[in-house]
N, C-alpha and C. Protein backbone atom coordinates (compact mmCIF):
# COMPACT_ATOMS: atom_id res chain seq x y z
N UNK A 1 204.82 -8.57 -65.35
CA UNK A 1 205.21 -9.60 -66.30
C UNK A 1 206.64 -10.03 -65.97
N UNK A 2 206.91 -11.33 -66.03
CA UNK A 2 208.23 -11.86 -65.75
C UNK A 2 208.62 -12.89 -66.80
N UNK A 3 209.90 -12.89 -67.15
CA UNK A 3 210.43 -13.95 -67.99
C UNK A 3 210.76 -15.12 -67.07
N UNK A 4 210.25 -16.28 -67.40
CA UNK A 4 210.55 -17.48 -66.62
C UNK A 4 211.62 -18.33 -67.31
N UNK A 5 211.55 -18.41 -68.63
CA UNK A 5 212.51 -19.19 -69.41
C UNK A 5 212.78 -18.45 -70.71
N UNK A 6 214.03 -18.41 -71.11
CA UNK A 6 214.39 -17.80 -72.39
C UNK A 6 215.40 -18.74 -73.06
N UNK A 7 214.90 -19.64 -73.90
CA UNK A 7 215.74 -20.65 -74.52
C UNK A 7 215.82 -20.40 -76.03
N UNK A 8 217.03 -20.24 -76.51
CA UNK A 8 217.26 -20.06 -77.94
C UNK A 8 217.87 -21.36 -78.44
N UNK A 9 217.11 -22.11 -79.25
CA UNK A 9 217.63 -23.37 -79.79
C UNK A 9 218.62 -23.10 -80.92
N UNK A 10 218.22 -22.16 -81.81
CA UNK A 10 219.08 -21.85 -82.95
C UNK A 10 218.78 -20.46 -83.48
N UNK A 11 219.84 -19.69 -83.68
CA UNK A 11 219.72 -18.37 -84.33
C UNK A 11 221.10 -18.02 -84.86
N UNK A 12 221.28 -18.13 -86.17
CA UNK A 12 222.60 -17.90 -86.75
C UNK A 12 223.62 -18.82 -86.09
N UNK A 13 224.73 -18.27 -85.60
CA UNK A 13 225.75 -19.12 -84.97
C UNK A 13 225.39 -19.56 -83.54
N UNK A 14 224.32 -18.99 -82.97
CA UNK A 14 223.91 -19.38 -81.62
C UNK A 14 223.14 -20.69 -81.64
N UNK A 15 223.41 -21.55 -80.68
CA UNK A 15 222.62 -22.75 -80.54
C UNK A 15 222.61 -23.17 -79.07
N UNK A 16 221.47 -23.67 -78.65
CA UNK A 16 221.29 -24.21 -77.30
C UNK A 16 221.68 -23.20 -76.21
N UNK A 17 221.19 -21.97 -76.31
CA UNK A 17 221.47 -20.94 -75.29
C UNK A 17 220.38 -20.97 -74.23
N UNK A 18 220.76 -21.13 -73.00
CA UNK A 18 219.82 -21.20 -71.87
C UNK A 18 220.28 -20.21 -70.82
N UNK A 19 219.85 -18.99 -70.97
CA UNK A 19 220.23 -17.95 -70.01
C UNK A 19 219.34 -18.04 -68.78
N UNK A 20 219.90 -17.88 -67.58
CA UNK A 20 219.06 -17.95 -66.38
C UNK A 20 218.13 -16.74 -66.30
N UNK A 21 216.89 -16.98 -65.95
CA UNK A 21 215.92 -15.90 -65.74
C UNK A 21 215.55 -15.92 -64.27
N UNK A 22 216.00 -14.93 -63.56
CA UNK A 22 215.74 -14.88 -62.13
C UNK A 22 214.82 -13.72 -61.84
N UNK A 23 214.25 -13.70 -60.62
CA UNK A 23 213.48 -12.54 -60.21
C UNK A 23 214.42 -11.35 -60.15
N UNK A 24 213.92 -10.19 -60.49
CA UNK A 24 214.77 -9.01 -60.50
C UNK A 24 215.40 -8.84 -61.86
N UNK A 25 216.66 -8.44 -61.90
CA UNK A 25 217.35 -8.15 -63.15
C UNK A 25 218.31 -9.27 -63.48
N UNK A 26 218.25 -9.75 -64.71
CA UNK A 26 219.22 -10.73 -65.21
C UNK A 26 220.13 -9.98 -66.18
N UNK A 27 221.43 -10.13 -65.99
CA UNK A 27 222.41 -9.42 -66.81
C UNK A 27 223.13 -10.42 -67.69
N UNK A 28 223.18 -10.11 -68.97
CA UNK A 28 223.96 -10.91 -69.92
C UNK A 28 225.15 -10.05 -70.30
N UNK A 29 226.32 -10.52 -69.98
CA UNK A 29 227.52 -9.74 -70.28
C UNK A 29 228.55 -10.65 -70.93
N UNK A 30 229.48 -10.06 -71.62
CA UNK A 30 230.54 -10.82 -72.27
C UNK A 30 231.33 -9.92 -73.19
N UNK A 31 232.42 -10.44 -73.73
CA UNK A 31 233.25 -9.62 -74.63
C UNK A 31 232.53 -9.35 -75.95
N UNK A 32 233.09 -8.44 -76.73
CA UNK A 32 232.54 -8.15 -78.05
C UNK A 32 232.48 -9.42 -78.89
N UNK A 33 231.42 -9.52 -79.69
CA UNK A 33 231.20 -10.65 -80.61
C UNK A 33 230.98 -11.98 -79.88
N UNK A 34 230.57 -11.94 -78.62
CA UNK A 34 230.28 -13.18 -77.88
C UNK A 34 228.87 -13.69 -78.16
N UNK A 35 227.99 -12.84 -78.74
CA UNK A 35 226.63 -13.26 -79.08
C UNK A 35 225.54 -12.62 -78.23
N UNK A 36 225.88 -11.61 -77.45
CA UNK A 36 224.88 -10.94 -76.59
C UNK A 36 223.77 -10.32 -77.42
N UNK A 37 224.13 -9.58 -78.44
CA UNK A 37 223.13 -8.90 -79.27
C UNK A 37 222.31 -9.92 -80.06
N UNK A 38 222.96 -10.97 -80.56
CA UNK A 38 222.22 -12.01 -81.28
C UNK A 38 221.21 -12.68 -80.35
N UNK A 39 221.62 -12.94 -79.11
CA UNK A 39 220.72 -13.56 -78.15
C UNK A 39 219.50 -12.67 -77.91
N UNK A 40 219.73 -11.36 -77.74
CA UNK A 40 218.62 -10.44 -77.52
C UNK A 40 217.73 -10.32 -78.75
N UNK A 41 218.33 -10.30 -79.94
CA UNK A 41 217.53 -10.26 -81.17
C UNK A 41 216.63 -11.49 -81.25
N UNK A 42 217.18 -12.66 -80.95
CA UNK A 42 216.39 -13.89 -80.99
C UNK A 42 215.29 -13.85 -79.95
N UNK A 43 215.61 -13.41 -78.74
CA UNK A 43 214.63 -13.30 -77.65
C UNK A 43 213.48 -12.39 -78.06
N UNK A 44 213.80 -11.22 -78.60
CA UNK A 44 212.77 -10.27 -79.01
C UNK A 44 211.89 -10.84 -80.13
N UNK A 45 212.50 -11.52 -81.10
CA UNK A 45 211.73 -12.08 -82.21
C UNK A 45 210.86 -13.25 -81.77
N UNK A 46 211.30 -13.99 -80.75
CA UNK A 46 210.45 -15.05 -80.22
C UNK A 46 209.25 -14.45 -79.48
N UNK A 47 209.49 -13.35 -78.77
CA UNK A 47 208.41 -12.68 -78.06
C UNK A 47 207.42 -12.04 -79.02
N UNK A 48 207.93 -11.44 -80.09
CA UNK A 48 207.06 -10.74 -81.06
C UNK A 48 207.73 -10.78 -82.43
N UNK A 49 207.23 -11.61 -83.35
CA UNK A 49 207.85 -11.74 -84.68
C UNK A 49 207.97 -10.42 -85.44
N UNK A 50 207.05 -9.48 -85.23
CA UNK A 50 207.08 -8.21 -85.97
C UNK A 50 208.08 -7.21 -85.43
N UNK A 51 208.79 -7.53 -84.36
CA UNK A 51 209.74 -6.57 -83.77
C UNK A 51 210.87 -6.25 -84.74
N UNK A 52 211.22 -7.17 -85.63
CA UNK A 52 212.30 -6.92 -86.59
C UNK A 52 212.00 -5.72 -87.48
N UNK A 53 210.71 -5.46 -87.73
CA UNK A 53 210.32 -4.34 -88.59
C UNK A 53 210.52 -2.99 -87.93
N UNK A 54 210.62 -2.94 -86.60
CA UNK A 54 210.71 -1.65 -85.90
C UNK A 54 212.02 -1.48 -85.14
N UNK A 55 212.95 -2.42 -85.27
CA UNK A 55 214.22 -2.31 -84.57
C UNK A 55 215.05 -1.18 -85.16
N UNK A 56 215.85 -0.51 -84.31
CA UNK A 56 216.70 0.59 -84.77
C UNK A 56 217.64 0.13 -85.88
N UNK A 57 218.28 -1.01 -85.69
CA UNK A 57 219.09 -1.58 -86.76
C UNK A 57 218.52 -2.96 -87.07
N UNK A 58 218.52 -3.34 -88.35
CA UNK A 58 217.91 -4.62 -88.72
C UNK A 58 218.63 -5.79 -88.06
N UNK A 59 217.92 -6.90 -87.89
CA UNK A 59 218.56 -8.08 -87.30
C UNK A 59 219.79 -8.51 -88.10
N UNK A 60 220.76 -9.06 -87.41
CA UNK A 60 222.01 -9.47 -88.05
C UNK A 60 221.88 -10.82 -88.77
N UNK A 61 220.85 -11.57 -88.45
CA UNK A 61 220.65 -12.89 -89.04
C UNK A 61 219.35 -12.84 -89.86
N UNK A 62 219.38 -13.41 -91.06
CA UNK A 62 218.22 -13.35 -91.96
C UNK A 62 217.21 -14.46 -91.74
N UNK A 63 217.36 -15.26 -90.72
CA UNK A 63 216.40 -16.34 -90.45
C UNK A 63 215.70 -16.08 -89.13
N UNK A 64 214.56 -16.73 -88.97
CA UNK A 64 213.82 -16.64 -87.71
C UNK A 64 214.48 -17.54 -86.67
N UNK A 65 214.53 -17.09 -85.42
CA UNK A 65 215.09 -17.96 -84.39
C UNK A 65 214.12 -19.09 -84.03
N UNK A 66 214.68 -20.16 -83.49
CA UNK A 66 213.85 -21.22 -82.92
C UNK A 66 214.14 -21.28 -81.43
N UNK A 67 213.13 -21.59 -80.68
CA UNK A 67 213.26 -21.65 -79.23
C UNK A 67 211.94 -21.29 -78.59
N UNK A 68 212.00 -20.91 -77.32
CA UNK A 68 210.77 -20.54 -76.61
C UNK A 68 211.11 -19.61 -75.46
N UNK A 69 210.16 -18.75 -75.18
CA UNK A 69 210.26 -17.85 -74.04
C UNK A 69 208.97 -18.04 -73.25
N UNK A 70 209.12 -18.39 -71.97
CA UNK A 70 207.97 -18.53 -71.09
C UNK A 70 207.83 -17.22 -70.31
N UNK A 71 206.64 -16.63 -70.42
CA UNK A 71 206.35 -15.35 -69.77
C UNK A 71 205.24 -15.57 -68.76
N UNK A 72 205.42 -15.03 -67.56
CA UNK A 72 204.36 -15.06 -66.56
C UNK A 72 203.70 -13.69 -66.54
N UNK A 73 202.38 -13.70 -66.71
CA UNK A 73 201.64 -12.43 -66.71
C UNK A 73 200.26 -12.67 -66.10
N UNK A 74 199.93 -11.90 -65.09
CA UNK A 74 198.62 -12.01 -64.45
C UNK A 74 198.39 -13.38 -63.82
N UNK A 75 199.45 -14.01 -63.32
CA UNK A 75 199.31 -15.31 -62.68
C UNK A 75 199.29 -16.49 -63.65
N UNK A 76 199.30 -16.21 -64.95
CA UNK A 76 199.30 -17.28 -65.97
C UNK A 76 200.65 -17.30 -66.67
N UNK A 77 201.01 -18.46 -67.21
CA UNK A 77 202.24 -18.58 -67.98
C UNK A 77 201.90 -18.77 -69.45
N UNK A 78 202.64 -18.08 -70.31
CA UNK A 78 202.42 -18.15 -71.75
C UNK A 78 203.74 -18.50 -72.43
N UNK A 79 203.66 -19.30 -73.47
CA UNK A 79 204.85 -19.66 -74.24
C UNK A 79 204.86 -18.86 -75.54
N UNK A 80 205.89 -18.07 -75.73
CA UNK A 80 206.08 -17.31 -76.96
C UNK A 80 207.18 -18.02 -77.75
N UNK A 81 206.84 -18.46 -78.95
CA UNK A 81 207.80 -19.23 -79.73
C UNK A 81 207.94 -18.68 -81.15
N UNK A 82 207.58 -17.42 -81.35
CA UNK A 82 207.63 -16.84 -82.68
C UNK A 82 206.31 -16.95 -83.40
N UNK A 83 205.39 -17.78 -82.87
CA UNK A 83 204.04 -17.88 -83.44
C UNK A 83 203.05 -17.21 -82.49
N UNK A 84 203.20 -17.45 -81.19
CA UNK A 84 202.39 -16.77 -80.18
C UNK A 84 203.12 -15.50 -79.80
N UNK A 85 202.43 -14.39 -79.84
CA UNK A 85 203.06 -13.08 -79.65
C UNK A 85 202.77 -12.50 -78.28
N UNK A 86 203.78 -11.87 -77.70
CA UNK A 86 203.61 -11.16 -76.43
C UNK A 86 202.56 -10.06 -76.57
N UNK A 87 202.45 -9.48 -77.75
CA UNK A 87 201.49 -8.41 -77.99
C UNK A 87 200.05 -8.92 -77.97
N UNK A 88 199.85 -10.22 -78.11
CA UNK A 88 198.51 -10.80 -77.98
C UNK A 88 198.14 -11.00 -76.52
N UNK A 89 199.15 -11.07 -75.66
CA UNK A 89 198.95 -11.35 -74.24
C UNK A 89 198.87 -10.07 -73.42
N UNK A 90 199.65 -9.07 -73.80
CA UNK A 90 199.74 -7.81 -73.06
C UNK A 90 199.53 -6.63 -74.01
N UNK A 91 199.32 -5.42 -73.49
CA UNK A 91 199.15 -4.26 -74.37
C UNK A 91 200.47 -3.67 -74.88
N UNK A 92 201.54 -4.44 -74.85
CA UNK A 92 202.84 -3.98 -75.33
C UNK A 92 202.84 -4.03 -76.85
N UNK A 93 203.45 -3.03 -77.47
CA UNK A 93 203.59 -2.99 -78.92
C UNK A 93 205.02 -3.37 -79.31
N UNK A 94 205.25 -3.85 -80.54
CA UNK A 94 206.60 -4.24 -80.94
C UNK A 94 207.66 -3.16 -80.70
N UNK A 95 207.33 -1.91 -80.95
CA UNK A 95 208.31 -0.83 -80.79
C UNK A 95 208.78 -0.67 -79.35
N UNK A 96 207.97 -1.10 -78.39
CA UNK A 96 208.35 -0.97 -76.99
C UNK A 96 209.35 -2.02 -76.54
N UNK A 97 209.38 -3.16 -77.21
CA UNK A 97 210.20 -4.27 -76.74
C UNK A 97 211.70 -3.97 -76.74
N UNK A 98 212.18 -3.30 -77.77
CA UNK A 98 213.61 -3.04 -77.83
C UNK A 98 214.05 -2.20 -76.64
N UNK A 99 213.25 -1.24 -76.22
CA UNK A 99 213.61 -0.39 -75.09
C UNK A 99 213.49 -1.11 -73.75
N UNK A 100 212.69 -2.15 -73.71
CA UNK A 100 212.49 -2.88 -72.45
C UNK A 100 213.71 -3.74 -72.14
N UNK A 101 214.28 -4.40 -73.16
CA UNK A 101 215.30 -5.39 -72.90
C UNK A 101 216.73 -4.94 -73.19
N UNK A 102 216.92 -4.01 -74.09
CA UNK A 102 218.28 -3.68 -74.53
C UNK A 102 218.76 -2.42 -73.85
N UNK A 103 219.85 -2.55 -73.12
CA UNK A 103 220.49 -1.40 -72.49
C UNK A 103 221.93 -1.37 -73.00
N UNK A 104 222.29 -0.27 -73.63
CA UNK A 104 223.63 -0.12 -74.17
C UNK A 104 224.39 0.89 -73.32
N UNK A 105 225.72 0.93 -73.50
CA UNK A 105 226.54 1.85 -72.72
C UNK A 105 226.02 3.29 -72.82
N UNK A 106 225.60 3.69 -74.03
CA UNK A 106 225.13 5.06 -74.22
C UNK A 106 223.86 5.33 -73.42
N UNK A 107 223.07 4.27 -73.14
CA UNK A 107 221.86 4.45 -72.33
C UNK A 107 222.19 4.74 -70.87
N UNK A 108 223.39 4.37 -70.44
CA UNK A 108 223.77 4.55 -69.04
C UNK A 108 224.38 5.92 -68.77
N UNK A 109 224.68 6.68 -69.81
CA UNK A 109 225.22 8.03 -69.63
C UNK A 109 224.09 8.97 -69.26
N UNK A 110 224.37 9.88 -68.32
CA UNK A 110 223.35 10.85 -67.92
C UNK A 110 223.39 12.05 -68.85
N UNK A 111 222.31 12.31 -69.56
CA UNK A 111 222.27 13.47 -70.45
C UNK A 111 222.03 14.75 -69.63
N UNK A 112 222.07 15.87 -70.33
CA UNK A 112 221.77 17.13 -69.66
C UNK A 112 220.31 17.10 -69.21
N UNK A 113 219.93 17.99 -68.31
CA UNK A 113 218.57 18.01 -67.78
C UNK A 113 217.53 18.08 -68.89
N UNK A 114 217.73 18.99 -69.85
CA UNK A 114 216.76 19.17 -70.92
C UNK A 114 216.64 17.91 -71.77
N UNK A 115 217.78 17.30 -72.14
CA UNK A 115 217.76 16.08 -72.94
C UNK A 115 217.07 14.95 -72.19
N UNK A 116 217.35 14.86 -70.89
CA UNK A 116 216.76 13.79 -70.07
C UNK A 116 215.24 13.91 -70.04
N UNK A 117 214.73 15.10 -69.74
CA UNK A 117 213.28 15.26 -69.62
C UNK A 117 212.59 15.13 -70.98
N UNK A 118 213.22 15.61 -72.03
CA UNK A 118 212.64 15.44 -73.37
C UNK A 118 212.56 13.95 -73.71
N UNK A 119 213.62 13.21 -73.46
CA UNK A 119 213.64 11.77 -73.72
C UNK A 119 212.60 11.05 -72.88
N UNK A 120 212.49 11.40 -71.62
CA UNK A 120 211.52 10.78 -70.72
C UNK A 120 210.10 11.02 -71.20
N UNK A 121 209.79 12.24 -71.59
CA UNK A 121 208.46 12.59 -72.08
C UNK A 121 208.14 11.80 -73.35
N UNK A 122 209.12 11.69 -74.27
CA UNK A 122 208.90 10.94 -75.51
C UNK A 122 208.62 9.47 -75.22
N UNK A 123 209.37 8.87 -74.31
CA UNK A 123 209.17 7.45 -74.01
C UNK A 123 207.84 7.22 -73.31
N UNK A 124 207.49 8.06 -72.36
CA UNK A 124 206.21 7.91 -71.67
C UNK A 124 205.04 8.12 -72.64
N UNK A 125 205.18 9.11 -73.51
CA UNK A 125 204.12 9.37 -74.50
C UNK A 125 203.95 8.20 -75.44
N UNK A 126 205.05 7.58 -75.83
CA UNK A 126 204.98 6.44 -76.76
C UNK A 126 204.28 5.25 -76.12
N UNK A 127 204.51 5.03 -74.83
CA UNK A 127 203.88 3.91 -74.14
C UNK A 127 202.36 4.06 -74.13
N UNK A 128 201.87 5.28 -74.02
CA UNK A 128 200.43 5.51 -73.91
C UNK A 128 199.75 5.71 -75.26
N UNK A 129 200.49 5.63 -76.36
CA UNK A 129 199.92 5.82 -77.68
C UNK A 129 198.80 4.82 -77.96
N UNK A 130 198.99 3.57 -77.58
CA UNK A 130 197.98 2.54 -77.82
C UNK A 130 196.69 2.88 -77.09
N UNK A 131 196.82 3.31 -75.83
CA UNK A 131 195.62 3.66 -75.06
C UNK A 131 194.92 4.86 -75.66
N UNK A 132 195.67 5.85 -76.10
CA UNK A 132 195.09 7.05 -76.69
C UNK A 132 194.36 6.69 -77.99
N UNK A 133 194.97 5.83 -78.81
CA UNK A 133 194.32 5.43 -80.07
C UNK A 133 193.03 4.67 -79.81
N UNK A 134 192.99 3.85 -78.76
CA UNK A 134 191.77 3.12 -78.42
C UNK A 134 190.67 4.10 -77.99
N UNK A 135 191.02 5.11 -77.22
CA UNK A 135 190.05 6.12 -76.79
C UNK A 135 189.54 6.90 -78.01
N UNK A 136 190.45 7.29 -78.91
CA UNK A 136 190.04 8.01 -80.13
C UNK A 136 189.03 7.19 -80.93
N UNK A 137 189.32 5.90 -81.07
CA UNK A 137 188.44 5.03 -81.83
C UNK A 137 187.05 4.98 -81.21
N UNK A 138 186.97 4.86 -79.89
CA UNK A 138 185.68 4.80 -79.21
C UNK A 138 184.94 6.13 -79.33
N UNK A 139 185.67 7.24 -79.24
CA UNK A 139 185.02 8.54 -79.40
C UNK A 139 184.47 8.73 -80.81
N UNK A 140 185.20 8.26 -81.82
CA UNK A 140 184.70 8.35 -83.19
C UNK A 140 183.45 7.50 -83.35
N UNK A 141 183.45 6.31 -82.74
CA UNK A 141 182.27 5.44 -82.82
C UNK A 141 181.06 6.09 -82.16
N UNK A 142 181.27 6.81 -81.09
CA UNK A 142 180.16 7.44 -80.36
C UNK A 142 179.75 8.77 -81.00
N UNK A 143 180.49 9.24 -81.99
CA UNK A 143 180.11 10.47 -82.67
C UNK A 143 180.62 11.74 -82.01
N UNK A 144 181.56 11.64 -81.08
CA UNK A 144 182.07 12.83 -80.39
C UNK A 144 183.42 13.29 -80.94
N UNK A 145 183.96 12.59 -81.92
CA UNK A 145 185.24 12.97 -82.49
C UNK A 145 185.04 13.10 -83.99
N UNK A 146 185.34 14.27 -84.52
CA UNK A 146 185.11 14.48 -85.94
C UNK A 146 186.20 13.78 -86.75
N UNK A 147 185.85 13.27 -87.92
CA UNK A 147 186.82 12.55 -88.74
C UNK A 147 187.84 13.48 -89.39
N UNK A 148 187.43 14.68 -89.77
CA UNK A 148 188.31 15.52 -90.56
C UNK A 148 189.46 16.10 -89.75
N UNK A 149 189.20 16.56 -88.54
CA UNK A 149 190.27 17.18 -87.75
C UNK A 149 190.63 16.37 -86.51
N UNK A 150 189.90 15.32 -86.22
CA UNK A 150 190.09 14.51 -85.03
C UNK A 150 190.11 15.37 -83.76
N UNK A 151 189.19 16.31 -83.72
CA UNK A 151 188.99 17.13 -82.52
C UNK A 151 187.62 16.83 -81.95
N UNK A 152 187.48 17.03 -80.67
CA UNK A 152 186.17 16.85 -80.05
C UNK A 152 185.20 17.84 -80.70
N UNK A 153 184.04 17.37 -81.11
CA UNK A 153 183.05 18.24 -81.73
C UNK A 153 182.61 19.28 -80.72
N UNK A 154 182.54 20.55 -81.14
CA UNK A 154 182.25 21.61 -80.18
C UNK A 154 180.94 22.35 -80.45
N UNK A 155 180.31 22.19 -81.62
CA UNK A 155 179.09 22.96 -81.85
C UNK A 155 177.91 22.31 -81.11
N UNK A 156 176.88 23.10 -80.86
CA UNK A 156 175.74 22.67 -80.05
C UNK A 156 175.00 21.48 -80.67
N UNK A 157 175.02 21.36 -81.99
CA UNK A 157 174.24 20.30 -82.64
C UNK A 157 174.78 18.91 -82.34
N UNK A 158 176.01 18.80 -81.86
CA UNK A 158 176.55 17.46 -81.60
C UNK A 158 176.71 17.17 -80.12
N UNK A 159 176.07 18.00 -79.26
CA UNK A 159 176.20 17.77 -77.82
C UNK A 159 175.73 16.39 -77.41
N UNK A 160 174.69 15.87 -78.06
CA UNK A 160 174.16 14.57 -77.70
C UNK A 160 174.34 13.59 -78.85
N UNK A 161 175.49 13.65 -79.50
CA UNK A 161 175.71 12.84 -80.69
C UNK A 161 175.57 11.35 -80.40
N UNK A 162 176.07 10.89 -79.26
CA UNK A 162 175.95 9.47 -78.92
C UNK A 162 174.51 9.07 -78.74
N UNK A 163 173.72 9.91 -78.08
CA UNK A 163 172.30 9.63 -77.86
C UNK A 163 171.56 9.63 -79.19
N UNK A 164 171.86 10.62 -80.04
CA UNK A 164 171.22 10.71 -81.34
C UNK A 164 171.53 9.46 -82.16
N UNK A 165 172.76 9.00 -82.11
CA UNK A 165 173.13 7.79 -82.85
C UNK A 165 172.35 6.59 -82.33
N UNK A 166 172.24 6.45 -81.00
CA UNK A 166 171.49 5.34 -80.41
C UNK A 166 170.01 5.40 -80.80
N UNK A 167 169.44 6.62 -80.79
CA UNK A 167 168.04 6.78 -81.18
C UNK A 167 167.83 6.44 -82.65
N UNK A 168 168.79 6.84 -83.49
CA UNK A 168 168.70 6.54 -84.92
C UNK A 168 168.78 5.03 -85.15
N UNK A 169 169.63 4.37 -84.39
CA UNK A 169 169.76 2.92 -84.50
C UNK A 169 168.46 2.25 -84.07
N UNK A 170 167.84 2.74 -83.00
CA UNK A 170 166.57 2.20 -82.51
C UNK A 170 165.47 2.41 -83.56
N UNK A 171 165.43 3.61 -84.15
CA UNK A 171 164.45 3.90 -85.19
C UNK A 171 164.64 2.98 -86.39
N UNK A 172 165.88 2.76 -86.79
CA UNK A 172 166.16 1.86 -87.92
C UNK A 172 165.68 0.45 -87.62
N UNK A 173 165.89 -0.01 -86.40
CA UNK A 173 165.41 -1.35 -86.01
C UNK A 173 163.88 -1.41 -86.06
N UNK A 174 163.21 -0.34 -85.61
CA UNK A 174 161.75 -0.28 -85.67
C UNK A 174 161.23 -0.34 -87.09
N UNK A 175 161.91 0.35 -88.00
CA UNK A 175 161.51 0.33 -89.41
C UNK A 175 161.69 -1.06 -90.00
N UNK A 176 162.80 -1.72 -89.63
CA UNK A 176 163.02 -3.09 -90.12
C UNK A 176 161.91 -4.01 -89.63
N UNK A 177 161.52 -3.89 -88.36
CA UNK A 177 160.45 -4.72 -87.82
C UNK A 177 159.14 -4.44 -88.55
N UNK A 178 158.84 -3.16 -88.81
CA UNK A 178 157.61 -2.80 -89.51
C UNK A 178 157.59 -3.39 -90.91
N UNK A 179 158.71 -3.31 -91.63
CA UNK A 179 158.78 -3.87 -92.97
C UNK A 179 158.56 -5.38 -92.93
N UNK A 180 159.17 -6.03 -91.94
CA UNK A 180 159.01 -7.48 -91.79
C UNK A 180 157.56 -7.82 -91.50
N UNK A 181 156.91 -7.06 -90.63
CA UNK A 181 155.53 -7.36 -90.26
C UNK A 181 154.57 -7.08 -91.42
N UNK A 182 154.86 -6.09 -92.25
CA UNK A 182 154.01 -5.80 -93.39
C UNK A 182 154.10 -6.88 -94.45
N UNK A 183 155.23 -7.57 -94.49
CA UNK A 183 155.41 -8.66 -95.46
C UNK A 183 154.75 -9.95 -94.95
N UNK A 184 154.57 -10.06 -93.62
CA UNK A 184 154.00 -11.27 -93.04
C UNK A 184 152.87 -10.89 -92.12
N UNK A 185 152.46 -11.80 -91.27
CA UNK A 185 151.34 -11.58 -90.35
C UNK A 185 151.80 -11.24 -88.94
N UNK A 186 153.08 -10.98 -88.75
CA UNK A 186 153.61 -10.74 -87.41
C UNK A 186 153.43 -9.27 -87.05
N UNK A 187 152.90 -9.01 -85.85
CA UNK A 187 152.74 -7.63 -85.40
C UNK A 187 154.07 -7.16 -84.81
N UNK A 188 154.53 -5.97 -85.24
CA UNK A 188 155.82 -5.48 -84.73
C UNK A 188 155.69 -5.16 -83.23
N UNK A 189 156.66 -5.68 -82.46
CA UNK A 189 156.61 -5.52 -81.00
C UNK A 189 156.85 -4.07 -80.57
N UNK A 190 157.64 -3.33 -81.32
CA UNK A 190 157.95 -1.95 -80.90
C UNK A 190 156.80 -0.98 -81.24
N UNK A 191 155.85 -1.41 -82.08
CA UNK A 191 154.78 -0.50 -82.47
C UNK A 191 153.46 -0.79 -81.74
N UNK A 192 153.42 -1.83 -80.91
CA UNK A 192 152.20 -2.18 -80.19
C UNK A 192 152.09 -1.35 -78.93
């Protein structure tokens, strides 16, 4: 995924900001109170309106930004303007956006080995949370994940839970066809 254009028309005191988006890394730098953080807040909110709910510190401006961000993903270009969300285009969640774009001085300090690996594990685990939740949901649908403890069912009676569910669904469809045929003159296809 690449940012092609990041234009902030208006956000608090910012207006008509057109930062260059180049291949590789684009750096926005300037003195304190120059508007770097406001620009990033506006950029993030244009990419995903719900990001304000998960930011470490709340946005400094109480209004929504206006502007557009053009994102290239999978060979296609998408315009995010606060109505179209990056999360609709990619599997990124709002909580991930702040870590993708914002680098502060404290982020550049090297922590001790233990702190570094703990932080790395937490960030990697958070990225895969969406995928894990999707797998959990599919396992619950197939009958292999119990609702009460969210553990894989281990007793022998549920070894073929997915097959049993499919067979039960097929049986239910057969019963529906039989009921329909008994009410009318149609012979049920599954019973012939």
